[in-house]
């Protein structure tokens, strides 16, 4: 019977509906479309002095399918084993001035939404994937942050300026990661440009220095399972789980440092700006209790360095269960939010990244907060007054926080709907699973393969987080994003994985 099943469920339609129900605009106004068809770099974009850096060997590393490229990177070797890193950020503001039709749409949605079934861009694709994208083989204006990475991982000599750039090689996380880890060859796009290989090695070295320094300061290294649907001809054919590799780590560390450097740059000039903050966790005692289940003692007061050591040890000792531990800690830390900061004395900091100053600035095609920061940078460079009052920034920050949270909820829901659609052909099948949640509200498991999550509605009682179990699929409802299992047997128990039967 399962072989004869042909799902009539329209995932794209359900994705559209979920986005609209969350309050996002799906379609652009006629005025916004008109703006993209007549856009050119306005004279105002050339008011700031700019450098012509098109001959530098800029490259981008992103998902293979990404066209909305927000940043490019290049490195320069300096005396004393110092590596200068330039991060170029797409100058979206030059084509999307405040108050324009495209800006009004972006200000409503505040971010792009990526459901797996479709992409709902913050900016029209004529901008985000073309005119404001740092796409390869095209000259593009960019906001550049220059940072000198010392052998110790400390950063000095931060400078911001406007430049004309040229992306010489569009590269992917998978290809570059495989090459850096010794499992693959240099990507063809890099081979085609002499000097890019040396560039990537310098960038990787600088990123590793930054990573080690961040770890010393207590940066938390998480890895969670977020299965993305693979859709072909409107049907979900599989689920793909992106995993961290050296290329993702490279970009993550460069972007964290760029965002931190830009936040500090604005702070030092007394310019009120939006910072992304994660406060010291109020539920630290729960994190301490969770660590005790692994025979690990954390201090009574929040300590990112101690928590970082605990996470590092657990990743090494039990990599299979580490994503679930990561998710538990992330939930207990609480969500990030945007807050207005005017000076170093006011910053709250980002507990998870172990930095005192941090903003979102490196994805202006995808996040409105980044576009706002871009406008503040330009005001700082021009030594003019801020285009926003602190009160306006606070309102923008609250709205960006709310909309980004709403986007994540929509993305999670559509991932669940995609998984339910895929699993409809497996009703009655038996799988091995790991318990990811256990509370009075219910018990939840994730299958080992495929990486599908659902609720246990009956069967063996008393399951706890980290237990392994054998479960049978009972229902899969893509309309509601629900998947239900029956627990047939408990296979192992507790965080340490002791066998029970």
Protein backbone atom coordinates (compact mmCIF):
# COMPACT_ATOMS: atom_id res chain seq x y z
CA UNK A 1 0.00 0.00 0.00
CA UNK A 2 2.83 2.41 0.80
CA UNK A 3 4.30 1.97 -2.66
CA UNK A 4 1.02 3.15 -4.17
CA UNK A 5 0.93 6.29 -2.03
CA UNK A 6 1.23 9.52 -3.99
CA UNK A 7 1.12 12.56 -1.73
CA UNK A 8 -1.15 15.32 -2.96
CA UNK A 9 0.15 17.70 -0.32
CA UNK A 10 1.53 20.93 -1.82
CA UNK A 11 4.57 21.82 0.29
CA UNK A 12 5.18 25.09 -1.55
CA UNK A 13 1.60 26.24 -0.93
CA UNK A 14 1.85 25.28 2.75
CA UNK A 15 5.15 27.15 3.02
CA UNK A 16 3.58 30.26 1.44
CA UNK A 17 0.68 30.05 3.86
CA UNK A 18 2.92 29.66 6.90
CA UNK A 19 4.95 32.71 5.86
CA UNK A 20 1.85 34.82 5.37
CA UNK A 21 0.27 33.63 8.64
CA UNK A 22 3.43 34.78 10.43
CA UNK A 23 2.90 38.29 9.07
CA UNK A 24 5.55 38.36 6.33
CA UNK A 25 4.95 39.96 2.94
CA UNK A 26 5.44 37.34 0.22
CA UNK A 27 5.17 39.63 -2.81
CA UNK A 28 6.88 42.92 -3.57
CA UNK A 29 4.90 46.03 -4.44
CA UNK A 30 4.80 47.35 -7.99
CA UNK A 31 6.78 50.36 -6.78
CA UNK A 32 9.55 48.11 -5.39
CA UNK A 33 9.76 46.16 -8.65
CA UNK A 34 9.88 49.45 -10.54
CA UNK A 35 12.75 50.60 -8.33
CA UNK A 36 14.84 47.57 -9.25
CA UNK A 37 14.28 48.04 -12.97
CA UNK A 38 15.59 51.62 -12.97
CA UNK A 39 18.30 51.39 -10.37
CA UNK A 40 21.87 52.45 -10.80
CA UNK A 41 24.49 53.47 -8.30
CA UNK A 42 23.36 56.94 -7.17
CA UNK A 43 25.78 59.81 -6.99
CA UNK A 44 25.35 59.78 -3.19
CA UNK A 45 27.06 56.37 -3.07
CA UNK A 46 30.20 58.04 -4.39
CA UNK A 47 30.23 60.90 -1.89
CA UNK A 48 32.55 58.96 0.41
CA UNK A 49 36.16 58.51 -0.72
CA UNK A 50 36.60 54.96 -1.93
CA UNK A 51 39.52 52.70 -2.76
CA UNK A 52 39.77 50.65 -5.91
CA UNK A 53 40.59 47.14 -4.63
CA UNK A 54 39.37 45.14 -7.61
CA UNK A 55 42.80 43.66 -8.25
CA UNK A 56 42.96 41.99 -4.83
CA UNK A 57 42.13 38.28 -4.98
CA UNK A 58 38.73 38.46 -3.30
CA UNK A 59 36.71 35.26 -3.06
CA UNK A 60 33.47 34.15 -1.40
CA UNK A 61 32.65 30.94 0.49
CA UNK A 62 28.96 30.16 0.91
CA UNK A 63 26.41 27.46 0.20
CA UNK A 64 26.74 26.03 -3.30
CA UNK A 65 23.31 27.33 -4.32
CA UNK A 66 23.58 30.78 -2.72
CA UNK A 67 23.33 33.73 -5.07
CA UNK A 68 22.70 36.47 -2.49
CA UNK A 69 26.36 36.85 -1.62
CA UNK A 70 26.84 39.31 1.24
CA UNK A 71 30.56 39.13 1.88
CA UNK A 72 33.91 38.39 0.29
CA UNK A 73 37.33 37.99 1.88
CA UNK A 74 40.99 38.48 1.07
CA UNK A 75 44.19 38.20 3.15
CA UNK A 76 47.57 39.91 3.14
CA UNK A 77 50.76 38.73 4.85
CA UNK A 78 52.40 41.45 6.97
CA UNK A 79 55.75 41.49 8.81
CA UNK A 80 55.91 39.74 12.15
CA UNK A 81 53.68 36.88 10.98
CA UNK A 82 50.64 39.20 11.11
CA UNK A 83 47.82 38.42 8.67
CA UNK A 84 45.66 41.30 7.54
CA UNK A 85 42.13 40.20 6.75
CA UNK A 86 39.79 42.30 4.61
CA UNK A 87 36.10 41.48 4.77
CA UNK A 88 34.05 43.16 2.05
CA UNK A 89 30.34 43.59 2.82
CA UNK A 90 27.87 44.23 0.00
CA UNK A 91 26.89 47.91 -0.14
CA UNK A 92 23.13 47.36 -0.18
CA UNK A 93 22.35 50.88 1.04
CA UNK A 94 23.65 52.45 -2.17
CA UNK A 95 20.68 50.99 -4.10
CA UNK A 96 18.20 50.78 -1.21
CA UNK A 97 18.06 54.22 0.42
CA UNK A 98 15.96 54.60 3.55
CA UNK A 99 12.29 55.21 2.77
CA UNK A 100 12.45 53.85 -0.77
CA UNK A 101 9.85 51.22 -1.83
CA UNK A 102 12.36 48.37 -1.52
CA UNK A 103 13.46 49.64 1.88
CA UNK A 104 9.84 49.79 3.08
CA UNK A 105 9.34 46.13 2.14
CA UNK A 106 12.60 45.17 3.86
CA UNK A 107 11.64 47.21 6.93
CA UNK A 108 8.38 45.26 7.19
CA UNK A 109 9.85 41.75 6.88
CA UNK A 110 13.19 42.58 8.57
CA UNK A 111 14.86 39.42 7.23
CA UNK A 112 14.78 36.76 4.53
CA UNK A 113 12.96 33.51 5.31
CA UNK A 114 14.48 30.20 4.17
CA UNK A 115 11.99 27.33 4.53
CA UNK A 116 13.64 24.75 2.28
CA UNK A 117 10.49 24.68 0.17
CA UNK A 118 11.20 28.23 -1.03
CA UNK A 119 13.16 31.39 -0.29
CA UNK A 120 11.31 34.57 0.69
CA UNK A 121 13.98 37.25 0.19
CA UNK A 122 14.03 40.51 2.13
CA UNK A 123 15.06 42.29 -1.06
CA UNK A 124 13.85 41.66 -4.62
CA UNK A 125 16.00 39.06 -6.33
CA UNK A 126 17.00 41.64 -8.94
CA UNK A 127 18.91 43.23 -6.08
CA UNK A 128 19.86 40.43 -3.66
CA UNK A 129 21.07 37.91 -6.25
CA UNK A 130 22.37 40.42 -8.80
CA UNK A 131 22.81 44.15 -8.31
CA UNK A 132 23.60 44.12 -4.57
CA UNK A 133 25.19 40.66 -4.55
CA UNK A 134 28.98 40.33 -4.47
CA UNK A 135 28.62 37.79 -7.24
CA UNK A 136 31.65 36.57 -9.19
CA UNK A 137 33.06 38.40 -12.19
CA UNK A 138 31.33 41.67 -11.32
CA UNK A 139 32.59 44.97 -9.94
CA UNK A 140 30.69 45.88 -6.77
CA UNK A 141 30.92 48.59 -4.08
CA UNK A 142 31.49 47.28 -0.57
CA UNK A 143 31.96 48.38 3.00
CA UNK A 144 35.34 46.94 3.97
CA UNK A 145 36.61 46.15 7.46
CA UNK A 146 40.36 45.57 7.70
CA UNK A 147 41.71 43.64 10.70
CA UNK A 148 45.29 42.67 11.59
CA UNK A 149 45.30 39.19 13.14
CA UNK A 150 48.31 38.66 15.41
CA UNK A 151 49.95 35.23 15.93
CA UNK A 152 48.24 35.20 19.35
CA UNK A 153 44.80 35.63 17.79
CA UNK A 154 44.44 39.18 19.06
CA UNK A 155 43.15 41.77 16.59
CA UNK A 156 44.67 45.19 16.02
CA UNK A 157 44.61 47.97 13.46
CA UNK A 158 40.89 47.84 12.69
CA UNK A 159 39.93 50.16 9.84
CA UNK A 160 36.67 50.71 7.92
CA UNK A 161 36.32 52.23 4.47
CA UNK A 162 34.37 52.04 1.21
CA UNK A 163 35.91 50.22 -1.75
CA UNK A 164 35.22 48.95 -5.24
CA UNK A 165 35.72 45.17 -5.25
CA UNK A 166 35.63 42.18 -7.58
CA UNK A 167 34.83 38.60 -6.55
CA UNK A 168 37.35 36.43 -8.42
CA UNK A 169 36.07 33.02 -7.21
CA UNK A 170 32.70 31.85 -5.88
CA UNK A 171 33.45 28.85 -3.65
CA UNK A 172 31.30 26.53 -1.52
CA UNK A 173 31.62 25.31 2.07
CA UNK A 174 31.60 21.69 0.98
CA UNK A 175 34.37 22.00 -1.63
CA UNK A 176 36.67 24.24 0.40
CA UNK A 177 36.04 22.28 3.60
CA UNK A 178 36.90 18.99 1.94
CA UNK A 179 40.08 20.47 0.49
CA UNK A 180 41.20 22.07 3.77
CA UNK A 181 40.63 18.78 5.58
CA UNK A 182 42.67 16.84 3.02
CA UNK A 183 39.74 14.88 1.63
CA UNK A 184 39.36 16.68 -1.68
CA UNK A 185 41.12 18.72 -4.32
CA UNK A 186 41.26 22.49 -4.67
CA UNK A 187 37.91 23.63 -6.18
CA UNK A 188 37.99 24.33 -9.91
CA UNK A 189 36.93 27.95 -9.37
CA UNK A 190 40.02 28.42 -7.19
CA UNK A 191 42.35 26.55 -9.56
CA UNK A 192 41.28 28.94 -12.33
CA UNK A 193 42.64 31.96 -10.42
CA UNK A 194 46.39 31.87 -9.65
CA UNK A 195 47.06 32.87 -6.07
CA UNK A 196 43.66 31.91 -4.61
CA UNK A 197 45.08 28.75 -3.02
CA UNK A 198 47.61 30.77 -1.03
CA UNK A 199 44.81 33.21 -0.15
CA UNK A 200 42.63 30.46 1.27
CA UNK A 201 45.48 29.04 3.33
CA UNK A 202 46.21 32.46 4.84
CA UNK A 203 42.54 33.00 5.60
CA UNK A 204 42.32 29.56 7.21
CA UNK A 205 45.40 30.29 9.34
CA UNK A 206 43.99 33.63 10.49
CA UNK A 207 40.61 32.04 11.24
CA UNK A 208 42.27 29.31 13.31
CA UNK A 209 44.14 31.91 15.36
CA UNK A 210 40.87 33.74 15.97
CA UNK A 211 39.11 30.49 16.89
CA UNK A 212 41.76 29.52 19.43
CA UNK A 213 41.61 32.98 21.01
CA UNK A 214 37.83 32.85 21.18
CA UNK A 215 38.01 29.41 22.83
CA UNK A 216 40.40 30.81 25.45
CA UNK A 217 37.83 33.50 26.17
CA UNK A 218 35.02 30.96 26.51
CA UNK A 219 33.31 30.94 23.10
CA UNK A 220 30.76 28.12 22.99
CA UNK A 221 31.03 25.65 20.11
CA UNK A 222 27.64 24.11 19.37
CA UNK A 223 26.43 21.69 16.73
CA UNK A 224 22.73 21.00 16.32
CA UNK A 225 20.85 18.79 13.88
CA UNK A 226 18.69 20.88 11.53
CA UNK A 227 17.64 18.64 8.68
CA UNK A 228 16.89 20.59 5.49
CA UNK A 229 14.45 19.13 2.95
CA UNK A 230 15.81 18.18 -0.46
CA UNK A 231 12.97 19.01 -2.86
CA UNK A 232 12.78 17.75 -6.45
CA UNK A 233 9.79 18.50 -8.68
CA UNK A 234 7.84 19.70 -5.69
CA UNK A 235 8.39 16.51 -3.69
CA UNK A 236 10.62 15.92 -0.65
CA UNK A 237 13.05 13.18 -1.65
CA UNK A 238 15.38 13.27 1.36
CA UNK A 239 16.65 15.31 4.29
CA UNK A 240 20.11 16.86 4.37
CA UNK A 241 21.93 17.82 7.58
CA UNK A 242 24.71 20.40 7.03
CA UNK A 243 27.71 19.64 9.23
CA UNK A 244 30.45 21.94 10.39
CA UNK A 245 33.73 21.74 8.54
CA UNK A 246 36.85 23.86 8.33
CA UNK A 247 35.39 26.13 5.65
CA UNK A 248 32.33 26.92 7.77
CA UNK A 249 34.61 27.50 10.75
CA UNK A 250 36.79 29.80 8.63
CA UNK A 251 33.87 32.02 7.65
CA UNK A 252 32.28 31.89 11.09
CA UNK A 253 35.43 33.14 12.80
CA UNK A 254 36.10 35.87 10.25
CA UNK A 255 32.50 37.09 10.44
CA UNK A 256 32.35 37.04 14.25
CA UNK A 257 35.55 39.10 14.33
CA UNK A 258 34.29 41.51 11.66
CA UNK A 259 31.00 42.02 13.50
CA UNK A 260 32.76 42.52 16.82
CA UNK A 261 35.24 44.96 15.28
CA UNK A 262 32.46 47.01 13.66
CA UNK A 263 30.50 47.16 16.92
CA UNK A 264 33.59 48.40 18.76
CA UNK A 265 34.32 50.92 15.97
CA UNK A 266 30.89 52.53 16.39
CA UNK A 267 31.12 52.39 20.20
CA UNK A 268 34.46 54.16 20.23
CA UNK A 269 32.93 57.01 18.24
CA UNK A 270 29.97 57.32 20.56
CA UNK A 271 27.50 56.39 17.83
CA UNK A 272 24.40 54.60 19.15
CA UNK A 273 24.00 51.32 17.28
CA UNK A 274 22.22 48.00 17.37
CA UNK A 275 24.16 45.21 19.01
CA UNK A 276 23.24 41.54 19.09
CA UNK A 277 23.34 40.44 22.71
CA UNK A 278 22.95 37.16 24.58
CA UNK A 279 22.72 37.97 28.26
CA UNK A 280 24.26 35.95 31.08
CA UNK A 281 21.87 32.98 31.38
CA UNK A 282 19.21 33.24 34.08
CA UNK A 283 18.80 29.44 33.97
CA UNK A 284 22.46 28.72 34.71
CA UNK A 285 21.45 26.44 37.58
CA UNK A 286 19.71 24.17 35.08
CA UNK A 287 22.87 24.08 32.96
CA UNK A 288 24.82 23.13 36.10
CA UNK A 289 22.33 20.33 36.81
CA UNK A 290 22.57 19.08 33.24
CA UNK A 291 26.39 18.95 33.47
CA UNK A 292 26.13 16.98 36.72
CA UNK A 293 24.35 14.21 34.82
CA UNK A 294 27.61 13.77 32.94
CA UNK A 295 29.65 13.78 36.17
CA UNK A 296 30.90 17.29 35.37
CA UNK A 297 30.97 20.18 37.85
CA UNK A 298 30.35 23.73 36.68
CA UNK A 299 30.77 26.79 38.93
CA UNK A 300 27.72 28.21 40.68
CA UNK A 301 27.89 31.48 38.73
CA UNK A 302 27.72 31.76 34.90
CA UNK A 303 31.15 31.08 33.44
CA UNK A 304 31.53 30.79 29.64
CA UNK A 305 35.09 29.40 29.87
CA UNK A 306 33.98 26.55 32.14
CA UNK A 307 30.96 25.82 29.96
CA UNK A 308 33.14 25.82 26.86
CA UNK A 309 35.45 23.21 28.41
CA UNK A 310 32.47 21.04 29.30
CA UNK A 311 31.09 21.20 25.75
CA UNK A 312 34.50 20.44 24.22
CA UNK A 313 34.87 17.36 26.42
CA UNK A 314 31.37 16.10 25.61
CA UNK A 315 31.92 16.54 21.85
CA UNK A 316 35.04 14.38 22.10
CA UNK A 317 33.50 11.72 24.37
CA UNK A 318 30.09 11.33 22.72
CA UNK A 319 29.85 12.98 19.27
CA UNK A 320 26.59 11.16 18.42
CA UNK A 321 24.69 12.74 21.31
CA UNK A 322 26.50 16.08 21.23
CA UNK A 323 23.96 17.80 18.93
CA UNK A 324 21.19 17.05 21.42
CA UNK A 325 23.26 18.34 24.33
CA UNK A 326 24.02 21.44 22.23
CA UNK A 327 20.32 22.04 21.64
CA UNK A 328 19.54 21.72 25.35
CA UNK A 329 22.25 24.25 26.28
CA UNK A 330 21.17 26.65 23.53
CA UNK A 331 17.60 26.62 24.85
CA UNK A 332 18.78 27.22 28.41
CA UNK A 333 21.01 30.12 27.37
CA UNK A 334 18.00 31.91 25.93
CA UNK A 335 17.59 33.73 22.61
CA UNK A 336 19.66 36.57 21.25
CA UNK A 337 18.15 40.01 20.87
CA UNK A 338 19.01 43.44 19.54
CA UNK A 339 19.79 46.23 21.97
CA UNK A 340 20.95 49.82 21.54
CA UNK A 341 24.49 50.54 22.75
CA UNK A 342 26.11 53.98 22.66
CA UNK A 343 29.43 53.45 24.44
CA UNK A 344 31.66 50.66 25.83
CA UNK A 345 30.24 51.28 29.30
CA UNK A 346 26.77 50.23 28.12
CA UNK A 347 27.46 46.97 26.33
CA UNK A 348 25.85 43.76 27.53
CA UNK A 349 27.96 41.37 25.48
CA UNK A 350 27.28 38.06 23.80
CA UNK A 351 27.63 35.20 26.30
CA UNK A 352 27.76 32.46 23.65
CA UNK A 353 30.44 34.13 21.53
CA UNK A 354 32.40 35.40 24.55
CA UNK A 355 32.69 38.93 23.13
CA UNK A 356 31.73 42.22 24.76
CA UNK A 357 30.80 44.07 21.58
CA UNK A 358 28.94 42.37 18.77
CA UNK A 359 26.59 43.46 16.02
CA UNK A 360 25.05 42.03 12.86
CA UNK A 361 26.60 43.75 9.86
CA UNK A 362 27.82 41.12 7.39
CA UNK A 363 24.50 40.04 5.78
CA UNK A 364 22.71 43.22 4.56
CA UNK A 365 20.99 41.36 1.70
CA UNK A 366 19.30 39.08 4.24
CA UNK A 367 18.90 41.02 7.53
CA UNK A 368 17.55 44.53 8.03
CA UNK A 369 19.64 45.15 11.15
CA UNK A 370 22.76 44.76 9.00
CA UNK A 371 21.46 47.35 6.53
CA UNK A 372 20.84 49.76 9.41
CA UNK A 373 24.40 49.21 10.69
CA UNK A 374 25.68 49.91 7.18
CA UNK A 375 24.01 53.32 7.24
CA UNK A 376 25.54 54.05 10.64
CA UNK A 377 28.99 53.10 9.34
CA UNK A 378 28.61 55.50 6.42
CA UNK A 379 27.58 58.29 8.78
CA UNK A 380 30.66 57.57 10.92
CA UNK A 381 32.95 57.60 7.89
CA UNK A 382 31.43 60.87 6.63
CA UNK A 383 31.53 62.32 10.17
CA UNK A 384 27.89 63.31 9.91
CA UNK A 385 25.03 62.86 12.36
CA UNK A 386 23.41 59.45 12.72
CA UNK A 387 20.47 58.77 10.39
CA UNK A 388 18.60 57.24 13.36
CA UNK A 389 17.79 58.47 16.85
CA UNK A 390 18.38 56.07 19.76
CA UNK A 391 14.61 55.73 20.09
CA UNK A 392 14.27 54.78 16.43
CA UNK A 393 17.06 52.26 16.79
CA UNK A 394 15.37 50.72 19.81
CA UNK A 395 12.13 50.29 17.86
CA UNK A 396 14.00 48.79 14.92
CA UNK A 397 15.86 46.45 17.26
CA UNK A 398 12.68 45.19 18.92
CA UNK A 399 11.07 44.64 15.52
CA UNK A 400 14.11 42.84 14.10
CA UNK A 401 14.24 40.56 17.15
CA UNK A 402 10.54 39.70 16.83
CA UNK A 403 10.65 39.14 13.07
CA UNK A 404 13.79 36.97 13.18
CA UNK A 405 12.19 34.84 15.90
CA UNK A 406 9.06 34.55 13.75
CA UNK A 407 11.17 33.55 10.74
CA UNK A 408 12.87 30.78 12.73
CA UNK A 409 9.47 29.45 13.84
CA UNK A 410 8.25 29.36 10.24
CA UNK A 411 11.43 27.66 9.07
CA UNK A 412 11.16 25.04 11.83
CA UNK A 413 7.51 24.40 11.00
CA UNK A 414 8.15 23.89 7.28
CA UNK A 415 11.07 21.57 8.09
CA UNK A 416 8.67 19.54 10.23
CA UNK A 417 6.04 19.55 7.48
CA UNK A 418 8.69 18.41 4.98
CA UNK A 419 9.78 15.59 7.28
CA UNK A 420 6.15 14.50 7.79
CA UNK A 421 5.62 14.47 4.04
CA UNK A 422 8.71 12.34 3.55
CA UNK A 423 7.72 9.94 6.35
CA UNK A 424 4.17 9.28 5.09
CA UNK A 425 5.58 6.46 2.98
CA UNK A 426 7.06 4.83 6.11
CA UNK A 427 3.95 4.49 8.29
CA UNK A 428 4.32 1.41 10.49
CA UNK A 429 8.07 1.16 9.99
CA UNK A 430 10.39 0.70 12.99
CA UNK A 431 13.44 2.90 13.66
CA UNK A 432 16.13 3.49 16.25
CA UNK A 433 15.93 6.91 17.88
CA UNK A 434 17.45 9.11 20.57
CA UNK A 435 15.34 11.03 23.08
CA UNK A 436 15.78 14.79 22.56
CA UNK A 437 13.19 16.11 24.99
CA UNK A 438 11.34 14.85 28.06
CA UNK A 439 9.01 16.97 30.18
CA UNK A 440 5.41 17.02 31.39
CA UNK A 441 4.54 18.48 27.98
CA UNK A 442 5.73 15.34 26.20
CA UNK A 443 8.60 13.14 25.12
CA UNK A 444 10.33 13.74 21.79
CA UNK A 445 12.78 11.64 19.80
CA UNK A 446 14.97 12.02 16.74
CA UNK A 447 15.49 9.08 14.42
CA UNK A 448 19.10 8.12 13.77
CA UNK A 449 18.24 7.81 10.07
CA UNK A 450 16.57 9.72 8.54
CA UNK A 451 17.12 12.58 11.05
CA UNK A 452 13.40 13.13 11.69
CA UNK A 453 11.99 14.38 14.99
CA UNK A 454 8.59 13.56 16.48
CA UNK A 455 6.59 12.94 19.63
CA UNK A 456 6.26 9.65 21.51
CA UNK A 457 2.55 9.23 22.22
CA UNK A 458 2.53 5.74 23.74
CA UNK A 459 4.67 2.77 24.72
CA UNK A 460 7.54 2.49 27.18
CA UNK A 461 7.25 5.20 29.90
CA UNK A 462 10.00 7.02 31.75
CA UNK A 463 12.25 7.92 28.82
CA UNK A 464 14.73 10.74 29.42
CA UNK A 465 16.97 12.94 27.28
CA UNK A 466 19.84 10.91 25.85
CA UNK A 467 18.09 7.55 26.04
CA UNK A 468 18.03 5.42 22.92
CA UNK A 469 14.85 3.61 21.93
CA UNK A 470 13.19 1.57 19.20
CA UNK A 471 10.08 3.33 17.90
CA UNK A 472 7.33 2.70 15.36
CA UNK A 473 5.96 5.49 13.16
CA UNK A 474 2.24 5.96 13.86
CA UNK A 475 1.24 9.17 12.08
CA UNK A 476 2.78 11.81 9.81
CA UNK A 477 0.70 14.94 9.21
CA UNK A 478 2.44 17.50 6.97
CA UNK A 479 -0.43 20.00 7.25
CA UNK A 480 0.23 20.42 10.98
CA UNK A 481 3.89 19.37 10.92
CA UNK A 482 3.21 16.52 13.35
CA UNK A 483 4.97 13.14 13.54
CA UNK A 484 3.98 10.61 16.22
CA UNK A 485 5.77 7.46 17.37
CA UNK A 486 5.09 4.48 19.60
CA UNK A 487 8.04 3.42 21.77
CA UNK A 488 8.59 -0.34 21.45
CA UNK A 489 11.70 -0.74 23.62
CA UNK A 490 14.34 1.26 25.45
CA UNK A 491 17.80 0.38 24.12
CA UNK A 492 20.08 2.37 26.39
CA UNK A 493 19.69 4.81 29.23
CA UNK A 494 21.03 8.09 30.38
CA UNK A 495 23.66 10.55 29.17
CA UNK A 496 26.48 8.02 29.67
CA UNK A 497 24.81 5.53 27.35
CA UNK A 498 24.85 2.49 29.66
CA UNK A 499 23.20 -0.51 28.03
CA UNK A 500 19.94 -1.76 29.57
CA UNK A 501 19.08 -4.61 27.25
